[in-house]
PDB file of N, CA and C in Angstrom:
ATOM      1  N   MET A   1     139.428 -67.476 -11.901  1.00  0.00           N
ATOM      2  CA  MET A   1     139.156 -66.410 -11.238  1.00  0.00           C
ATOM      3  C   MET A   1     139.420 -66.914  -9.792  1.00  0.00           C
ATOM      4  N   VAL A   2     140.101 -66.012  -9.063  1.00  0.00           N
ATOM      5  CA  VAL A   2     140.668 -66.166  -7.634  1.00  0.00           C
ATOM      6  C   VAL A   2     139.649 -65.112  -6.648  1.00  0.00           C
ATOM      7  N   ASN A   3     139.331 -65.577  -5.712  1.00  0.00           N
ATOM      8  CA  ASN A   3     138.631 -64.761  -4.579  1.00  0.00           C
ATOM      9  C   ASN A   3     139.061 -65.217  -3.336  1.00  0.00           C
ATOM     10  N   GLY A   4     139.926 -64.221  -2.864  1.00  0.00           N
ATOM     11  CA  GLY A   4     140.611 -64.761  -1.362  1.00  0.00           C
ATOM     12  C   GLY A   4     140.992 -63.462  -0.699  1.00  0.00           C
ATOM     13  N   ARG A   5     141.466 -63.776   0.487  1.00  0.00           N
ATOM     14  CA  ARG A   5     141.954 -62.731   1.373  1.00  0.00           C
ATOM     15  C   ARG A   5     143.400 -62.740   1.486  1.00  0.00           C
ATOM     16  N   ILE A   6     144.033 -61.712   1.367  1.00  0.00           N
ATOM     17  CA  ILE A   6     145.451 -61.678   1.605  1.00  0.00           C
ATOM     18  C   ILE A   6     145.761 -60.412   2.618  1.00  0.00           C
ATOM     19  N   THR A   7     146.966 -60.413   3.303  1.00  0.00           N
ATOM     20  CA  THR A   7     147.101 -59.467   4.055  1.00  0.00           C
ATOM     21  C   THR A   7     147.516 -58.173   3.619  1.00  0.00           C
ATOM     22  N   PRO A   8     147.631 -56.987   4.251  1.00  0.00           N
ATOM     23  CA  PRO A   8     148.121 -55.717   3.601  1.00  0.00           C
ATOM     24  C   PRO A   8     149.629 -55.895   3.010  1.00  0.00           C
ATOM     25  N   GLU A   9     150.393 -56.532   3.845  1.00  0.00           N
ATOM     26  CA  GLU A   9     151.639 -56.650   3.575  1.00  0.00           C
ATOM     27  C   GLU A   9     151.931 -57.656   2.196  1.00  0.00           C
ATOM     28  N   GLN A  10     150.856 -58.765   1.983  1.00  0.00           N
ATOM     29  CA  GLN A  10     150.934 -59.248   0.676  1.00  0.00           C
ATOM     30  C   GLN A  10     150.467 -58.483  -0.437  1.00  0.00           C
ATOM     31  N   MET A  11     149.424 -57.857  -0.136  1.00  0.00           N
ATOM     32  CA  MET A  11     148.934 -56.809  -1.258  1.00  0.00           C
ATOM     33  C   MET A  11     149.879 -55.964  -1.540  1.00  0.00           C
ATOM     34  N   GLU A  12     150.660 -55.208  -0.627  1.00  0.00           N
ATOM     35  CA  GLU A  12     151.755 -54.267  -1.088  1.00  0.00           C
ATOM     36  C   GLU A  12     152.742 -55.054  -1.904  1.00  0.00           C
ATOM     37  N   TRP A  13     153.200 -56.115  -1.445  1.00  0.00           N
ATOM     38  CA  TRP A  13     154.315 -56.934  -2.448  1.00  0.00           C
ATOM     39  C   TRP A  13     153.607 -57.204  -3.687  1.00  0.00           C
ATOM     40  N   LEU A  14     152.329 -57.675  -3.833  1.00  0.00           N
ATOM     41  CA  LEU A  14     151.733 -57.768  -5.212  1.00  0.00           C
ATOM     42  C   LEU A  14     151.389 -56.564  -5.994  1.00  0.00           C
ATOM     43  N   GLU A  15     151.352 -55.536  -5.435  1.00  0.00           N
ATOM     44  CA  GLU A  15     151.120 -54.111  -6.192  1.00  0.00           C
ATOM     45  C   GLU A  15     152.497 -53.931  -6.692  1.00  0.00           C
ATOM     46  N   ASP A  16     153.725 -53.959  -5.760  1.00  0.00           N
ATOM     47  CA  ASP A  16     154.849 -53.808  -6.355  1.00  0.00           C
ATOM     48  C   ASP A  16     155.348 -54.703  -7.521  1.00  0.00           C
ATOM     49  N   LYS A  17     154.996 -55.899  -7.567  1.00  0.00           N
ATOM     50  CA  LYS A  17     155.190 -56.908  -8.551  1.00  0.00           C
ATOM     51  C   LYS A  17     154.384 -56.434  -9.893  1.00  0.00           C
ATOM     52  N   ALA A  18     153.120 -55.931  -9.594  1.00  0.00           N
ATOM     53  CA  ALA A  18     152.090 -55.579 -10.531  1.00  0.00           C
ATOM     54  C   ALA A  18     152.833 -54.139 -11.477  1.00  0.00           C
ATOM     55  N   SER A  19     153.549 -53.426 -10.621  1.00  0.00           N
ATOM     56  CA  SER A  19     154.188 -51.979 -11.100  1.00  0.00           C
ATOM     57  C   SER A  19     155.125 -52.404 -12.238  1.00  0.00           C
ATOM     58  N   LYS A  20     155.794 -53.655 -12.010  1.00  0.00           N
ATOM     59  CA  LYS A  20     156.894 -54.093 -12.830  1.00  0.00           C
ATOM     60  C   LYS A  20     156.264 -54.645 -14.093  1.00  0.00           C
ATOM     61  N   VAL A  21     154.940 -55.104 -14.187  1.00  0.00           N
ATOM     62  CA  VAL A  21     154.308 -55.486 -15.418  1.00  0.00           C
ATOM     63  C   VAL A  21     153.296 -54.561 -15.915  1.00  0.00           C
ATOM     64  N   GLY A  22     153.414 -53.407 -15.845  1.00  0.00           N
ATOM     65  CA  GLY A  22     152.669 -52.289 -16.370  1.00  0.00           C
ATOM     66  C   GLY A  22     151.370 -52.043 -15.359  1.00  0.00           C
ATOM     67  N   GLY A  23     151.323 -52.378 -14.184  1.00  0.00           N
ATOM     68  CA  GLY A  23     150.316 -52.180 -13.128  1.00  0.00           C
ATOM     69  C   GLY A  23     149.233 -53.232 -13.326  1.00  0.00           C
ATOM     70  N   ASN A  24     149.368 -54.285 -13.813  1.00  0.00           N
ATOM     71  CA  ASN A  24     148.361 -55.305 -13.930  1.00  0.00           C
ATOM     72  C   ASN A  24     148.350 -56.250 -12.737  1.00  0.00           C
ATOM     73  N   LEU A  25     147.716 -56.145 -11.883  1.00  0.00           N
ATOM     74  CA  LEU A  25     147.427 -57.171 -10.799  1.00  0.00           C
ATOM     75  C   LEU A  25     147.187 -58.411 -11.160  1.00  0.00           C
ATOM     76  N   SER A  26     146.341 -58.836 -12.174  1.00  0.00           N
ATOM     77  CA  SER A  26     146.262 -60.197 -12.637  1.00  0.00           C
ATOM     78  C   SER A  26     147.491 -60.640 -13.180  1.00  0.00           C
ATOM     79  N   ALA A  27     148.155 -60.035 -13.916  1.00  0.00           N
ATOM     80  CA  ALA A  27     149.490 -60.642 -14.478  1.00  0.00           C
ATOM     81  C   ALA A  27     150.510 -60.729 -13.361  1.00  0.00           C
ATOM     82  N   ALA A  28     150.467 -60.020 -12.418  1.00  0.00           N
ATOM     83  CA  ALA A  28     151.441 -60.007 -11.236  1.00  0.00           C
ATOM     84  C   ALA A  28     151.045 -61.366 -10.348  1.00  0.00           C
ATOM     85  N   LEU A  29     149.777 -61.557 -10.212  1.00  0.00           N
ATOM     86  CA  LEU A  29     149.324 -62.783  -9.494  1.00  0.00           C
ATOM     87  C   LEU A  29     149.442 -64.045 -10.383  1.00  0.00           C
ATOM     88  N   ARG A  30     149.421 -63.996 -11.611  1.00  0.00           N
ATOM     89  CA  ARG A  30     149.778 -65.078 -12.392  1.00  0.00           C
ATOM     90  C   ARG A  30     151.098 -65.680 -12.284  1.00  0.00           C
ATOM     91  N   GLN A  31     152.150 -64.405 -12.397  1.00  0.00           N
ATOM     92  CA  GLN A  31     153.506 -64.759 -12.294  1.00  0.00           C
ATOM     93  C   GLN A  31     153.903 -65.142 -10.933  1.00  0.00           C
ATOM     94  N   ALA A  32     153.280 -64.540  -9.827  1.00  0.00           N
ATOM     95  CA  ALA A  32     153.597 -65.150  -8.546  1.00  0.00           C
ATOM     96  C   ALA A  32     152.980 -66.424  -8.374  1.00  0.00           C
ATOM     97  N   ILE A  33     152.006 -67.033  -8.894  1.00  0.00           N
ATOM     98  CA  ILE A  33     151.598 -68.483  -8.971  1.00  0.00           C
ATOM     99  C   ILE A  33     152.530 -69.419  -9.733  1.00  0.00           C
ATOM    100  N   THR A  34     153.034 -68.895 -10.760  1.00  0.00           N
ATOM    101  CA  THR A  34     153.854 -69.609 -11.559  1.00  0.00           C
ATOM    102  C   THR A  34     155.208 -69.590 -10.773  1.00  0.00           C
ATOM    103  N   ASP A  35     155.545 -68.693 -10.107  1.00  0.00           N
ATOM    104  CA  ASP A  35     156.870 -68.618  -9.413  1.00  0.00           C
ATOM    105  C   ASP A  35     156.729 -69.638  -8.358  1.00  0.00           C
ATOM    106  N   ALA A  36     155.569 -69.714  -7.535  1.00  0.00           N
ATOM    107  CA  ALA A  36     155.323 -70.500  -6.523  1.00  0.00           C
ATOM    108  C   ALA A  36     155.305 -72.185  -6.970  1.00  0.00           C
ATOM    109  N   ARG A  37     154.855 -72.402  -8.240  1.00  0.00           N
ATOM    110  CA  ARG A  37     154.705 -73.517  -8.597  1.00  0.00           C
ATOM    111  C   ARG A  37     156.134 -74.119  -9.166  1.00  0.00           C
ATOM    112  N   ILE A  38     156.990 -73.022  -9.581  1.00  0.00           N
ATOM    113  CA  ILE A  38     158.441 -73.517  -9.901  1.00  0.00           C
ATOM    114  C   ILE A  38     159.207 -73.788  -8.585  1.00  0.00           C
ATOM    115  N   LEU A  39     159.100 -73.229  -7.474  1.00  0.00           N
ATOM    116  CA  LEU A  39     159.686 -73.167  -6.341  1.00  0.00           C
ATOM    117  C   LEU A  39     159.315 -74.500  -5.608  1.00  0.00           C
ATOM    118  N   GLU A  40     158.142 -74.696  -5.556  1.00  0.00           N
ATOM    119  CA  GLU A  40     157.570 -76.200  -5.185  1.00  0.00           C
ATOM    120  C   GLU A  40     158.245 -77.329  -5.755  1.00  0.00           C
ATOM    121  N   MET A  41     158.357 -77.129  -7.195  1.00  0.00           N
ATOM    122  CA  MET A  41     158.959 -78.327  -7.921  1.00  0.00           C
ATOM    123  C   MET A  41     160.437 -78.388  -7.628  1.00  0.00           C
ATOM    124  N   ALA A  42     161.054 -77.150  -7.454  1.00  0.00           N
ATOM    125  CA  ALA A  42     162.478 -77.142  -6.946  1.00  0.00           C
ATOM    126  C   ALA A  42     162.608 -77.845  -5.548  1.00  0.00           C
ATOM    127  N   ARG A  43     161.758 -77.417  -4.764  1.00  0.00           N
ATOM    128  CA  ARG A  43     161.831 -78.074  -3.450  1.00  0.00           C
ATOM    129  C   ARG A  43     161.766 -79.539  -3.284  1.00  0.00           C
ATOM    130  N   GLU A  44     160.775 -79.965  -4.211  1.00  0.00           N
ATOM    131  CA  GLU A  44     160.617 -81.543  -4.220  1.00  0.00           C
ATOM    132  C   GLU A  44     161.829 -82.126  -4.898  1.00  0.00           C
ATOM    133  N   ASP A  45     162.213 -81.333  -5.856  1.00  0.00           N
ATOM    134  CA  ASP A  45     163.501 -82.214  -6.808  1.00  0.00           C
ATOM    135  C   ASP A  45     164.663 -82.140  -5.659  1.00  0.00           C
ATOM    136  N   TYR A  46     164.893 -80.902  -4.725  1.00  0.00           N
ATOM    137  CA  TYR A  46     165.933 -80.872  -3.720  1.00  0.00           C
ATOM    138  C   TYR A  46     165.716 -81.903  -2.782  1.00  0.00           C
ATOM    139  N   LYS A  47     164.375 -82.195  -2.334  1.00  0.00           N
ATOM    140  CA  LYS A  47     164.073 -83.259  -1.320  1.00  0.00           C
ATOM    141  C   LYS A  47     164.403 -84.673  -1.928  1.00  0.00           C
ATOM    142  N   LEU A  48     164.242 -84.977  -3.119  1.00  0.00           N
ATOM    143  CA  LEU A  48     164.581 -86.053  -3.798  1.00  0.00           C
ATOM    144  C   LEU A  48     165.978 -86.256  -3.914  1.00  0.00           C
ATOM    145  N   LEU A  49     166.642 -85.138  -4.424  1.00  0.00           N
ATOM    146  CA  LEU A  49     168.110 -85.244  -4.450  1.00  0.00           C
ATOM    147  C   LEU A  49     168.859 -85.586  -3.139  1.00  0.00           C
ATOM    148  N   ARG A  50     168.426 -84.983  -2.063  1.00  0.00           N
ATOM    149  CA  ARG A  50     168.986 -85.294  -0.702  1.00  0.00           C
ATOM    150  C   ARG A  50     168.656 -86.513  -0.255  1.00  0.00           C
ATOM    151  N   LYS A  51     167.456 -87.347  -0.586  1.00  0.00           N
ATOM    152  CA  LYS A  51     167.166 -88.577  -0.224  1.00  0.00           C
ATOM    153  C   LYS A  51     168.095 -89.626  -0.971  1.00  0.00           C
ATOM    154  N   GLU A  52     168.334 -89.383  -2.314  1.00  0.00           N
ATOM    155  CA  GLU A  52     169.188 -90.126  -3.063  1.00  0.00           C
ATOM    156  C   GLU A  52     170.510 -90.029  -2.797  1.00  0.00           C
ATOM    157  N   HIS A  53     171.028 -88.695  -2.697  1.00  0.00           N
ATOM    158  CA  HIS A  53     172.271 -88.468  -2.199  1.00  0.00           C
ATOM    159  C   HIS A  53     172.460 -87.807  -0.993  1.00  0.00           C
ATOM    160  N   PRO A  54     172.340 -88.560   0.255  1.00  0.00           N
ATOM    161  CA  PRO A  54     172.182 -87.759   1.508  1.00  0.00           C
ATOM    162  C   PRO A  54     173.783 -87.007   1.614  1.00  0.00           C
ATOM    163  N   GLU A  55     174.903 -87.306   0.952  1.00  0.00           N
ATOM    164  CA  GLU A  55     175.869 -86.765   1.301  1.00  0.00           C
ATOM    165  C   GLU A  55     176.076 -85.190   0.508  1.00  0.00           C
ATOM    166  N   PHE A  56     175.083 -85.125  -0.630  1.00  0.00           N
ATOM    167  CA  PHE A  56     175.044 -83.935  -1.251  1.00  0.00           C
ATOM    168  C   PHE A  56     175.010 -82.606  -0.265  1.00  0.00           C
ATOM    169  N   GLU A  57     175.695 -81.648  -0.512  1.00  0.00           N
ATOM    170  CA  GLU A  57     175.754 -80.338   0.273  1.00  0.00           C
ATOM    171  C   GLU A  57     175.725 -79.057  -0.794  1.00  0.00           C
ATOM    172  N   ILE A  58     175.082 -78.413  -0.495  1.00  0.00           N
ATOM    173  CA  ILE A  58     175.400 -76.966  -1.367  1.00  0.00           C
ATOM    174  C   ILE A  58     176.420 -76.109  -0.617  1.00  0.00           C
ATOM    175  N   PRO A  59     177.309 -75.832  -1.267  1.00  0.00           N
ATOM    176  CA  PRO A  59     178.785 -75.355  -0.609  1.00  0.00           C
ATOM    177  C   PRO A  59     178.106 -74.049   0.072  1.00  0.00           C
ATOM    178  N   PRO A  60     178.732 -73.642   1.170  1.00  0.00           N
ATOM    179  CA  PRO A  60     178.530 -72.616   2.028  1.00  0.00           C
ATOM    180  C   PRO A  60     179.052 -71.455   1.359  1.00  0.00           C
ATOM    181  N   HIS A  61     178.254 -70.267   1.552  1.00  0.00           N
ATOM    182  CA  HIS A  61     178.536 -68.919   1.261  1.00  0.00           C
ATOM    183  C   HIS A  61     179.904 -68.532   1.932  1.00  0.00           C
ATOM    184  N   ASP A  62     180.656 -67.693   1.173  1.00  0.00           N
ATOM    185  CA  ASP A  62     181.762 -67.194   1.710  1.00  0.00           C
ATOM    186  C   ASP A  62     181.613 -66.325   2.916  1.00  0.00           C
ATOM    187  N   ASP A  63     180.515 -65.375   2.816  1.00  0.00           N
ATOM    188  CA  ASP A  63     180.392 -64.462   3.989  1.00  0.00           C
ATOM    189  C   ASP A  63     179.623 -65.027   4.969  1.00  0.00           C
ATOM    190  N   ILE A  64     178.827 -66.084   4.798  1.00  0.00           N
ATOM    191  CA  ILE A  64     177.869 -66.564   6.157  1.00  0.00           C
ATOM    192  C   ILE A  64     178.160 -67.995   5.808  1.00  0.00           C
ATOM    193  N   PRO A  65     179.263 -68.523   6.425  1.00  0.00           N
ATOM    194  CA  PRO A  65     179.658 -70.180   6.385  1.00  0.00           C
ATOM    195  C   PRO A  65     178.554 -71.119   6.791  1.00  0.00           C
ATOM    196  N   GLU A  66     177.736 -70.549   7.583  1.00  0.00           N
ATOM    197  CA  GLU A  66     176.635 -71.517   8.049  1.00  0.00           C
ATOM    198  C   GLU A  66     175.558 -72.063   6.766  1.00  0.00           C
ATOM    199  N   THR A  67     175.462 -71.245   6.102  1.00  0.00           N
ATOM    200  CA  THR A  67     174.363 -71.723   4.929  1.00  0.00           C
ATOM    201  C   THR A  67     174.522 -70.621   3.857  1.00  0.00           C
ATOM    202  N   ARG A  68     173.699 -71.209   2.774  1.00  0.00           N
ATOM    203  CA  ARG A  68     173.256 -70.232   1.660  1.00  0.00           C
ATOM    204  C   ARG A  68     171.662 -70.177   1.885  1.00  0.00           C
ATOM    205  N   LEU A  69     171.317 -69.050   1.320  1.00  0.00           N
ATOM    206  CA  LEU A  69     169.827 -69.030   1.165  1.00  0.00           C
ATOM    207  C   LEU A  69     169.238 -70.092   0.620  1.00  0.00           C
ATOM    208  N   LEU A  70     170.036 -70.510  -0.568  1.00  0.00           N
ATOM    209  CA  LEU A  70     169.281 -71.381  -1.396  1.00  0.00           C
ATOM    210  C   LEU A  70     168.881 -72.913  -0.677  1.00  0.00           C
ATOM    211  N   ALA A  71     170.012 -73.356  -0.009  1.00  0.00           N
ATOM    212  CA  ALA A  71     169.699 -74.597   0.865  1.00  0.00           C
ATOM    213  C   ALA A  71     168.631 -74.210   1.782  1.00  0.00           C
ATOM    214  N   MET A  72     168.370 -72.932   2.639  1.00  0.00           N
ATOM    215  CA  MET A  72     167.659 -72.906   3.379  1.00  0.00           C
ATOM    216  C   MET A  72     166.097 -73.015   2.717  1.00  0.00           C
ATOM    217  N   VAL A  73     166.021 -72.107   1.609  1.00  0.00           N
ATOM    218  CA  VAL A  73     164.693 -71.924   1.096  1.00  0.00           C
ATOM    219  C   VAL A  73     164.230 -73.328   0.294  1.00  0.00           C
ATOM    220  N   LEU A  74     165.020 -74.060  -0.155  1.00  0.00           N
ATOM    221  CA  LEU A  74     164.800 -75.367  -0.695  1.00  0.00           C
ATOM    222  C   LEU A  74     164.329 -76.287   0.129  1.00  0.00           C
ATOM    223  N   SER A  75     164.717 -76.247   1.457  1.00  0.00           N
ATOM    224  CA  SER A  75     164.500 -77.220   2.482  1.00  0.00           C
ATOM    225  C   SER A  75     163.252 -76.663   3.404  1.00  0.00           C
ATOM    226  N   MET A  76     162.786 -75.466   3.273  1.00  0.00           N
ATOM    227  CA  MET A  76     161.576 -75.164   4.147  1.00  0.00           C
ATOM    228  C   MET A  76     160.381 -75.119   3.595  1.00  0.00           C
ATOM    229  N   LYS A  77     159.482 -75.588   4.421  1.00  0.00           N
ATOM    230  CA  LYS A  77     158.024 -75.536   3.873  1.00  0.00           C
ATOM    231  C   LYS A  77     157.304 -74.693   4.899  1.00  0.00           C
ATOM    232  N   LEU A  78     156.864 -73.496   4.596  1.00  0.00           N
ATOM    233  CA  LEU A  78     155.922 -72.615   5.322  1.00  0.00           C
ATOM    234  C   LEU A  78     154.515 -73.017   5.190  1.00  0.00           C
ATOM    235  N   SER A  79     153.797 -72.882   6.282  1.00  0.00           N
ATOM    236  CA  SER A  79     152.376 -73.142   6.468  1.00  0.00           C
ATOM    237  C   SER A  79     151.748 -71.438   6.192  1.00  0.00           C
ATOM    238  N   GLU A  80     150.598 -71.245   6.084  1.00  0.00           N
ATOM    239  CA  GLU A  80     150.128 -70.032   5.922  1.00  0.00           C
ATOM    240  C   GLU A  80     150.086 -69.129   7.051  1.00  0.00           C
ATOM    241  N   ALA A  81     150.141 -69.888   8.406  1.00  0.00           N
ATOM    242  CA  ALA A  81     150.511 -69.088   9.581  1.00  0.00           C
ATOM    243  C   ALA A  81     152.074 -68.579   9.743  1.00  0.00           C
ATOM    244  N   GLU A  82     152.788 -69.409   9.487  1.00  0.00           N
ATOM    245  CA  GLU A  82     154.282 -69.233   9.453  1.00  0.00           C
ATOM    246  C   GLU A  82     154.562 -68.265   8.359  1.00  0.00           C
ATOM    247  N   ASP A  83     153.796 -68.152   7.139  1.00  0.00           N
ATOM    248  CA  ASP A  83     154.183 -67.167   6.368  1.00  0.00           C
ATOM    249  C   ASP A  83     153.668 -65.859   6.647  1.00  0.00           C
ATOM    250  N   LEU A  84     152.534 -65.817   7.587  1.00  0.00           N
ATOM    251  CA  LEU A  84     152.240 -64.573   8.006  1.00  0.00           C
ATOM    252  C   LEU A  84     153.048 -63.900   9.167  1.00  0.00           C
ATOM    253  N   GLU A  85     153.602 -64.828   9.949  1.00  0.00           N
ATOM    254  CA  GLU A  85     154.412 -64.538  10.838  1.00  0.00           C
ATOM    255  C   GLU A  85     155.774 -64.008  10.340  1.00  0.00           C
ATOM    256  N   LEU A  86     156.315 -64.534   9.185  1.00  0.00           N
ATOM    257  CA  LEU A  86     157.413 -63.876   8.374  1.00  0.00           C
ATOM    258  C   LEU A  86     157.178 -62.698   7.904  1.00  0.00           C
ATOM    259  N   ARG A  87     155.953 -62.488   7.545  1.00  0.00           N
ATOM    260  CA  ARG A  87     155.594 -61.094   6.811  1.00  0.00           C
ATOM    261  C   ARG A  87     155.662 -60.132   8.036  1.00  0.00           C
ATOM    262  N   ARG A  88     155.182 -60.377   9.074  1.00  0.00           N
ATOM    263  CA  ARG A  88     154.968 -59.444  10.266  1.00  0.00           C
ATOM    264  C   ARG A  88     156.481 -59.148  10.643  1.00  0.00           C
ATOM    265  N   ALA A  89     157.225 -60.199  10.769  1.00  0.00           N
ATOM    266  CA  ALA A  89     158.760 -59.904  10.913  1.00  0.00           C
ATOM    267  C   ALA A  89     159.327 -58.979  10.006  1.00  0.00           C
ATOM    268  N   GLU A  90     159.087 -59.238   8.708  1.00  0.00           N
ATOM    269  CA  GLU A  90     159.514 -58.352   7.818  1.00  0.00           C
ATOM    270  C   GLU A  90     159.164 -56.907   7.930  1.00  0.00           C
ATOM    271  N   GLY A  91     158.021 -56.664   8.282  1.00  0.00           N
ATOM    272  CA  GLY A  91     157.261 -55.395   8.434  1.00  0.00           C
ATOM    273  C   GLY A  91     158.025 -54.726   9.531  1.00  0.00           C
ATOM    274  N   ARG A  92     158.294 -55.437  10.671  1.00  0.00           N
ATOM    275  CA  ARG A  92     158.908 -54.825  11.815  1.00  0.00           C
ATOM    276  C   ARG A  92     160.269 -54.255  11.686  1.00  0.00           C
ATOM    277  N   LYS A  93     160.844 -55.196  10.708  1.00  0.00           N
ATOM    278  CA  LYS A  93     162.264 -54.816  10.439  1.00  0.00           C
ATOM    279  C   LYS A  93     162.247 -53.324   9.426  1.00  0.00           C
ATOM    280  N   ARG A  94     161.326 -53.233   8.698  1.00  0.00           N
ATOM    281  CA  ARG A  94     161.304 -52.057   8.103  1.00  0.00           C
ATOM    282  C   ARG A  94     160.929 -50.957   8.774  1.00  0.00           C
ATOM    283  N   THR A  95     160.317 -50.955   9.865  1.00  0.00           N
ATOM    284  CA  THR A  95     160.033 -49.727  10.753  1.00  0.00           C
ATOM    285  C   THR A  95     160.952 -49.408  11.574  1.00  0.00           C
TER     286      THR A  95
END
């Protein structure tokens, strides 16, 4: 059982996910937690790979030579405050 507070933006995102699993918020939350655990494992694996092979690089995207989203996501670690600011920025972009 989970009892916690989430932002309106996070609730909107969760409701959108729930709509894809028959409107079941519990199933959407379980899937989000599973996805987060898998992402966390991928980030740890990427960190270990970079430590063992510092020369390793993910090839740049053809359209955006600076980086691929994959490399950025695998290397970032968001705190709750940073996550909230990211959601606010996303909200401002939509309006």
